[in-house]
C-alpha atoms as a PDB file:
ATOM      1  CA  MET A   1       3.295 -50.549  32.730  1.00  0.00           C
ATOM      2  CA  LYS A   2       4.786 -48.651  29.781  1.00  0.00           C
ATOM      3  CA  GLU A   3       7.755 -51.013  29.791  1.00  0.00           C
ATOM      4  CA  ARG A   4       5.318 -53.937  29.595  1.00  0.00           C
ATOM      5  CA  LEU A   5       3.714 -52.341  26.537  1.00  0.00           C
ATOM      6  CA  VAL A   6       7.091 -51.999  24.837  1.00  0.00           C
ATOM      7  CA  ASN A   7       7.925 -55.608  25.729  1.00  0.00           C
ATOM      8  CA  THR A   8       4.706 -56.995  24.286  1.00  0.00           C
ATOM      9  CA  ALA A   9       5.015 -54.730  21.236  1.00  0.00           C
ATOM     10  CA  SER A  10       8.522 -56.144  20.732  1.00  0.00           C
ATOM     11  CA  GLU A  11       6.938 -59.532  20.146  1.00  0.00           C
ATOM     12  CA  LEU A  12       5.125 -58.286  17.035  1.00  0.00           C
ATOM     13  CA  VAL A  13       6.748 -59.396  13.785  1.00  0.00           C
ATOM     14  CA  GLN A  14       7.366 -56.882  11.020  1.00  0.00           C
ATOM     15  CA  PRO A  15       5.244 -57.919   8.019  1.00  0.00           C
ATOM     16  CA  SER A  16       6.838 -59.100   4.793  1.00  0.00           C
ATOM     17  CA  GLN A  17       7.461 -56.638   2.006  1.00  0.00           C
ATOM     18  CA  SER A  18       4.642 -58.186  -0.038  1.00  0.00           C
ATOM     19  CA  ALA A  19       2.201 -57.743   2.873  1.00  0.00           C
ATOM     20  CA  VAL A  20       3.262 -54.116   3.270  1.00  0.00           C
ATOM     21  CA  GLN A  21       2.819 -53.555  -0.462  1.00  0.00           C
ATOM     22  CA  ALA A  22      -0.682 -55.033  -0.383  1.00  0.00           C
ATOM     23  CA  PHE A  23      -1.600 -52.805   2.566  1.00  0.00           C
ATOM     24  CA  SER A  24      -0.018 -49.742   0.935  1.00  0.00           C
ATOM     25  CA  GLN A  25      -2.000 -50.236  -2.255  1.00  0.00           C
ATOM     26  CA  LYS A  26      -5.270 -50.188  -0.306  1.00  0.00           C
ATOM     27  CA  ARG A  27      -4.284 -47.708   2.431  1.00  0.00           C
ATOM     28  CA  ASP A  28      -6.170 -44.672   1.125  1.00  0.00           C
ATOM     29  CA  GLN A  29      -9.189 -46.737   0.125  1.00  0.00           C
ATOM     30  CA  LEU A  30      -9.287 -48.305   3.594  1.00  0.00           C
ATOM     31  CA  SER A  31      -9.095 -44.982   5.418  1.00  0.00           C
ATOM     32  CA  ALA A  32     -11.871 -43.543   3.210  1.00  0.00           C
ATOM     33  CA  LYS A  33     -14.058 -46.597   3.813  1.00  0.00           C
ATOM     34  CA  GLY A  34     -13.299 -46.468   7.544  1.00  0.00           C
ATOM     35  CA  ASN A  35     -14.370 -42.833   7.625  1.00  0.00           C
ATOM     36  CA  GLN A  36     -17.573 -43.710   5.811  1.00  0.00           C
ATOM     37  CA  ILE A  37     -18.402 -46.566   8.178  1.00  0.00           C
ATOM     38  CA  MET A  38     -17.584 -44.499  11.258  1.00  0.00           C
ATOM     39  CA  GLY A  39     -19.563 -41.564   9.883  1.00  0.00           C
ATOM     40  CA  GLU A  40     -22.688 -43.731   9.666  1.00  0.00           C
ATOM     41  CA  ARG A  41     -22.631 -44.616  13.363  1.00  0.00           C
ATOM     42  CA  GLN A  42     -25.583 -43.325  15.391  1.00  0.00           C
ATOM     43  CA  ASP A  43     -23.305 -42.800  18.395  1.00  0.00           C
ATOM     44  CA  LEU A  44     -20.646 -40.853  16.466  1.00  0.00           C
ATOM     45  CA  GLU A  45     -20.887 -37.625  18.462  1.00  0.00           C
ATOM     46  CA  LYS A  46     -20.846 -39.594  21.710  1.00  0.00           C
ATOM     47  CA  LEU A  47     -17.593 -41.288  20.616  1.00  0.00           C
ATOM     48  CA  LEU A  48     -15.900 -38.158  19.270  1.00  0.00           C
ATOM     49  CA  GLY A  49     -17.340 -35.296  21.229  1.00  0.00           C
ATOM     50  CA  PRO A  50     -19.054 -32.397  19.469  1.00  0.00           C
ATOM     51  CA  GLY A  51     -17.469 -30.959  16.344  1.00  0.00           C
ATOM     52  CA  ASN A  52     -14.725 -33.562  15.987  1.00  0.00           C
ATOM     53  CA  VAL A  53     -15.766 -35.412  12.833  1.00  0.00           C
ATOM     54  CA  ARG A  54     -13.095 -33.791  10.680  1.00  0.00           C
ATOM     55  CA  MET A  55     -10.451 -34.493  13.315  1.00  0.00           C
ATOM     56  CA  ALA A  56     -11.510 -38.160  13.399  1.00  0.00           C
ATOM     57  CA  GLU A  57     -11.322 -38.352   9.604  1.00  0.00           C
ATOM     58  CA  ASP A  58      -7.818 -36.858   9.662  1.00  0.00           C
ATOM     59  CA  ASN A  59      -6.912 -39.317  12.408  1.00  0.00           C
ATOM     60  CA  ASN A  60      -8.013 -42.243  10.241  1.00  0.00           C
ATOM     61  CA  ARG A  61      -5.890 -41.082   7.300  1.00  0.00           C
ATOM     62  CA  ASN A  62      -2.909 -40.447   9.576  1.00  0.00           C
ATOM     63  CA  PHE A  63      -3.455 -43.785  11.299  1.00  0.00           C
ATOM     64  CA  ALA A  64      -3.258 -45.619   7.966  1.00  0.00           C
ATOM     65  CA  ARG A  65      -0.017 -43.833   7.087  1.00  0.00           C
ATOM     66  CA  PHE A  66       1.405 -44.454  10.550  1.00  0.00           C
ATOM     67  CA  MET A  67       0.622 -48.168  10.398  1.00  0.00           C
ATOM     68  CA  GLU A  68       2.214 -48.350   6.970  1.00  0.00           C
ATOM     69  CA  SER A  69       5.369 -46.757   8.400  1.00  0.00           C
ATOM     70  CA  MET A  70       5.356 -49.259  11.275  1.00  0.00           C
ATOM     71  CA  PHE A  71       4.976 -52.133   8.824  1.00  0.00           C
ATOM     72  CA  LEU A  72       7.926 -50.794   6.789  1.00  0.00           C
ATOM     73  CA  GLU A  73      10.296 -50.049   9.676  1.00  0.00           C
ATOM     74  CA  TYR A  74       8.902 -51.427  12.882  1.00  0.00           C
ATOM     75  CA  ASP A  75       9.976 -49.830  16.148  1.00  0.00           C
ATOM     76  CA  PRO A  76       8.058 -50.932  19.266  1.00  0.00           C
ATOM     77  CA  LYS A  77       9.067 -47.838  21.255  1.00  0.00           C
ATOM     78  CA  VAL A  78       7.809 -45.514  18.518  1.00  0.00           C
ATOM     79  CA  LEU A  79       4.543 -47.473  18.388  1.00  0.00           C
ATOM     80  CA  VAL A  80       3.984 -47.171  22.138  1.00  0.00           C
ATOM     81  CA  GLU A  81       4.985 -43.502  22.404  1.00  0.00           C
ATOM     82  CA  THR A  82       2.863 -42.514  19.420  1.00  0.00           C
ATOM     83  CA  VAL A  83      -0.223 -44.342  20.669  1.00  0.00           C
ATOM     84  CA  LEU A  84       0.119 -42.762  24.101  1.00  0.00           C
ATOM     85  CA  TRP A  85       0.492 -39.310  22.531  1.00  0.00           C
ATOM     86  CA  VAL A  86      -2.608 -39.924  20.374  1.00  0.00           C
ATOM     87  CA  PHE A  87      -4.658 -41.005  23.385  1.00  0.00           C
ATOM     88  CA  ARG A  88      -3.669 -37.887  25.353  1.00  0.00           C
ATOM     89  CA  ALA A  89      -4.114 -35.479  22.455  1.00  0.00           C
ATOM     90  CA  TYR A  90      -7.442 -36.780  21.150  1.00  0.00           C
ATOM     91  CA  ARG A  91      -8.952 -37.286  24.597  1.00  0.00           C
ATOM     92  CA  SER A  92      -8.134 -33.644  25.378  1.00  0.00           C
ATOM     93  CA  HIS A  93     -10.352 -32.734  22.397  1.00  0.00           C
ATOM     94  CA  GLY A  94     -13.294 -34.760  23.718  1.00  0.00           C
ATOM     95  CA  PHE A  95     -12.747 -38.179  22.137  1.00  0.00           C
ATOM     96  CA  GLN A  96     -14.005 -40.963  24.391  1.00  0.00           C
ATOM     97  CA  THR A  97     -11.874 -44.013  25.106  1.00  0.00           C
ATOM     98  CA  THR A  98     -14.528 -46.150  23.390  1.00  0.00           C
ATOM     99  CA  TYR A  99     -13.676 -44.421  20.091  1.00  0.00           C
ATOM    100  CA  TRP A 100     -10.517 -46.504  19.666  1.00  0.00           C
ATOM    101  CA  ALA A 101     -12.242 -49.840  20.160  1.00  0.00           C
ATOM    102  CA  ALA A 102     -14.930 -48.838  17.668  1.00  0.00           C
ATOM    103  CA  ASN A 103     -12.455 -47.561  15.084  1.00  0.00           C
ATOM    104  CA  LEU A 104      -9.979 -50.422  15.457  1.00  0.00           C
ATOM    105  CA  ASN A 105     -12.759 -52.992  15.094  1.00  0.00           C
ATOM    106  CA  ILE A 106     -13.793 -51.263  11.873  1.00  0.00           C
ATOM    107  CA  TRP A 107     -10.188 -51.513  10.660  1.00  0.00           C
ATOM    108  CA  VAL A 108      -9.969 -55.207  11.521  1.00  0.00           C
ATOM    109  CA  GLY A 109     -13.152 -55.912   9.583  1.00  0.00           C
ATOM    110  CA  MET A 110     -11.921 -53.931   6.582  1.00  0.00           C
ATOM    111  CA  ILE A 111      -8.460 -55.487   6.398  1.00  0.00           C
ATOM    112  CA  ASN A 112     -10.031 -58.913   6.785  1.00  0.00           C
ATOM    113  CA  GLN A 113     -12.365 -58.238   3.846  1.00  0.00           C
ATOM    114  CA  GLU A 114     -10.151 -56.146   1.591  1.00  0.00           C
ATOM    115  CA  LEU A 115      -6.693 -57.678   1.873  1.00  0.00           C
ATOM    116  CA  PRO A 116      -5.355 -61.088   0.884  1.00  0.00           C
ATOM    117  CA  ARG A 117      -5.470 -63.658   3.694  1.00  0.00           C
ATOM    118  CA  GLU A 118      -1.662 -63.751   4.105  1.00  0.00           C
ATOM    119  CA  THR A 119      -1.546 -59.949   4.354  1.00  0.00           C
ATOM    120  CA  PHE A 120      -4.319 -59.926   6.938  1.00  0.00           C
ATOM    121  CA  GLU A 121      -2.527 -62.590   8.983  1.00  0.00           C
ATOM    122  CA  ALA A 122       0.716 -60.587   8.846  1.00  0.00           C
ATOM    123  CA  ILE A 123      -0.757 -57.266   9.989  1.00  0.00           C
ATOM    124  CA  TYR A 124      -3.691 -58.317  12.176  1.00  0.00           C
ATOM    125  CA  PRO A 125      -1.437 -58.873  15.229  1.00  0.00           C
ATOM    126  CA  PHE A 126      -0.652 -55.142  15.259  1.00  0.00           C
ATOM    127  CA  TYR A 127      -4.348 -54.201  15.333  1.00  0.00           C
ATOM    128  CA  ASN A 128      -5.083 -56.889  17.897  1.00  0.00           C
ATOM    129  CA  TRP A 129      -2.232 -55.598  20.078  1.00  0.00           C
ATOM    130  CA  LEU A 130      -3.721 -52.097  19.906  1.00  0.00           C
ATOM    131  CA  ILE A 131      -7.205 -53.347  20.804  1.00  0.00           C
ATOM    132  CA  VAL A 132      -6.055 -55.562  23.668  1.00  0.00           C
ATOM    133  CA  ASN A 133      -3.994 -52.742  25.176  1.00  0.00           C
ATOM    134  CA  ILE A 134      -6.631 -49.973  25.072  1.00  0.00           C
ATOM    135  CA  PRO A 135      -7.211 -50.230  28.850  1.00  0.00           C
ATOM    136  CA  ILE A 136      -3.481 -49.802  29.483  1.00  0.00           C
ATOM    137  CA  PHE A 137      -3.265 -46.798  27.144  1.00  0.00           C
ATOM    138  CA  VAL A 138      -6.208 -45.268  29.006  1.00  0.00           C
ATOM    139  CA  LYS A 139      -4.657 -45.917  32.400  1.00  0.00           C
ATOM    140  CA  LEU A 140      -1.248 -44.551  31.407  1.00  0.00           C
ATOM    141  CA  THR A 141      -2.698 -41.414  29.881  1.00  0.00           C
ATOM    142  CA  GLU A 142      -4.874 -40.825  32.956  1.00  0.00           C
ATOM    143  CA  GLU A 143      -1.919 -41.362  35.296  1.00  0.00           C
ATOM    144  CA  ASN A 144       0.251 -38.984  33.294  1.00  0.00           C
ATOM    145  CA  CYS A 145      -2.061 -36.002  33.146  1.00  0.00           C
ATOM    146  CA  GLY A 146       0.798 -33.988  34.604  1.00  0.00           C
ATOM    147  CA  ASP A 147       2.642 -34.775  31.372  1.00  0.00           C
ATOM    148  CA  CYS A 148      -0.447 -33.696  29.417  1.00  0.00           C
ATOM    149  CA  SER A 149      -0.355 -30.165  30.766  1.00  0.00           C
ATOM    150  CA  SER A 150       3.391 -29.882  30.144  1.00  0.00           C
ATOM    151  CA  GLU A 151       2.697 -30.770  26.508  1.00  0.00           C
ATOM    152  CA  GLY A 152       0.007 -28.105  26.266  1.00  0.00           C
ATOM    153  CA  ILE A 153      -2.747 -30.680  26.617  1.00  0.00           C
ATOM    154  CA  PRO A 154      -5.292 -29.939  29.362  1.00  0.00           C
ATOM    155  CA  ALA A 155      -5.789 -32.553  32.053  1.00  0.00           C
ATOM    156  CA  HIS A 156      -8.788 -34.847  31.540  1.00  0.00           C
END
C-alpha cells in the first residue's frame, strides 16, 4: 500500500519556478488565513482534541513550508514518509482523521482564491493527492501502530 502511494505520488509534476514563487509569496498569509478559518469552526475541538489549537496552528505553518519545499525539490518518497509521520504523530495527540480533510479543503479553497489560475493548476494536484489518499494514510498508520510505539508515539 505504501509502495502504491509512492507510485501515485511519482506521477505528480513539480510546479514551475514561477508557480513556486507565487505560492512562496503568499505562504505565510495563507497559513494565517487557514488558521483563522479553522479557528472559527464550531467543531474545532472535535477535530483536534482538547488543547491542541496551538499545535494545529503550528502544523498549518509547517505544512505551508513543507509544501513549498516539495514544490521546490519534489521527492515522492519524502512526501509519503512525512505525511505518514504527521498522521501518526498528530493522531497520538488526539487529532481526528477528519481534521486533514477539513484542513486540506480549506487550503484548496484558499489557493484557488488567492493564487493566479496557472499557479493553482500547478499545485492543486498535490493537495488533491493528499485528500484522495487520506483513507490510505489512516489505514497505514493504524496498521503500523507497532512502529508508533518504537518512535515514542503511543498506539491509537
